[in-house]
Amino acid sequence: MSNRKPALVFANSKGEILDYEGLTMAGAGGERFHCPDQAELIELPEGSELFVLPGRLPVGIEPDTGEPALLDTDPYTGETGISAVAAFMAPAHTAVYTAAYQSRKKAPLLPLFAYTAVGWMDGKFWVAAFRSDQDIRQDTAGFDQELINQRTAKKLRQQQDNRLIQHLGKCCLTYGCPAARNYFLGRWEAPLPSSPDCNASCVGCISLQPSGCCPSTQDRIRFAPTAREIAEIAIPHLENAPRPVVSFGQGCEGEPLLQASTLEKSIHMIRRQTTKGTINLNTNASLPDAVEKLAAAGLDSIRVSMNSARPDFHQRYYRPSGFSFKDVRRSIEVMKATGKHVSLNYFILPGFTDDPDEYAALCELIASTKPDLIQLRNLNMDPEQYRKAVQHAPAAPPLGMLHWLHKLKEQFPALKFGYFNPCLD
């Protein structure tokens, strides 16, 4: 990488993405604009996408003064109607800054994706981000679509009476779900969606949104599979796949703990047939008693989804029904008391995640509950909508995401960081 800074990119009125060297790329941490330094930039990862952000004007940095500057017209034609641009990064990458822009009045709500700052330099796009997991399980280069189509069609023909396999076929072929694709390829982590219902109404739920809001990114499963249907997927996968993991709790379902009885039966069925691999639960951790029963049945690990370690912000995002942040903490404690593995699926949004008060709350949670791993997953949501929904009013400037990560690693040297659920074998 050269010593120069990436240039701002914008979309003209035709939706064409152009660069403008008159302004340097900017990134946003909350409502603050920054010029990313070299340590905060990587080449746009393969498999990422660029999004045009309607109703939002791009913000760059003046090269001479270092001050933020709004670009409100096309610098090449003088036309209005330009838009900011963001990157939706490939899995295993975490944002340092979100896209820098200023919203116009009545700007439409952004769909449920993550919006990372992007610029252009030396014939390449650059993003303010870092690779957060070296695991290649969802790298674009590892997916052969022709092979996926063949393997999926064959499995769907062979297992026509298994509704869960048929559901995963749609996830694989319609939505391109990486976990479903890996299941049909017979490798690594396989999904086990199990619940059409949920006990939360998350502002950023990607499988169910109220009418008139931004659409969900995929359809939620419409049935509760049986223990047999679950086991028919899990047993051969754990027996035959390399580094095998099977996971309840996917983006295409509600909260799997609401099907705890079925999950418990399926875990018993699985473990009677095989001791291989890892049985994992992705969950909002709302029902600690159910977690305790699943741990006793043979559940190996849980991944606790969490937007914030502060109860008020957790409440405003999850909008829970019948549980609180105390239950979430208790579920973590239950798993750790039985010697099981706990990950925090900690939604990352620069400007909120690295708020000093949020950092302090996370440190307290880590010190008191001792999770094993933090998964650095980008929050898939309009950043302005999120800040408004949780009523974020920071009392101090953000730490900066790389500094935030460095401080955590320094304070908790045994804590691991990544992006994926690990195989514990």
Foldseek 3Di string as FASTA:
>chain_A
DDQDAFFFWKAAQVRDIDGDNQFGFWFAFQQDIARDGPVQKDFQAPPKDKDWFFQWWAWGAHPVPRHIDTDQADPVPRHGNMTHMFMQGFFQKFALGFGHTDGHPPRAWDAQTGGWTWGDDPHTIMTRIDRFAPDCLRGPVVDDPVVLVVLLVVVCVVPVVQVQSVVLSCCCPVVVPSQSSCLSVLAAEHEDEFAADAQWDFPSQQADDDPPHRHRSYHADDDGGALVSRLVSPQVSQVGYPQYEYEYDDSRHYFCLVVLVRLLVNLLVNVVRDPGKAYEYEGCQFALVSLLSSVVSPHAEYEHEAAFLDFLLRCLRGVGHPGGVVSNLSNLQSQVVSVHAYEYAYADHRNPCQQVVRLVSVVVSCVVRPHAEYAYHHRRGRSVVSCVSSVDDGPDTGPGVVSSVVVVCVVCVRHYYTHDDGIPD
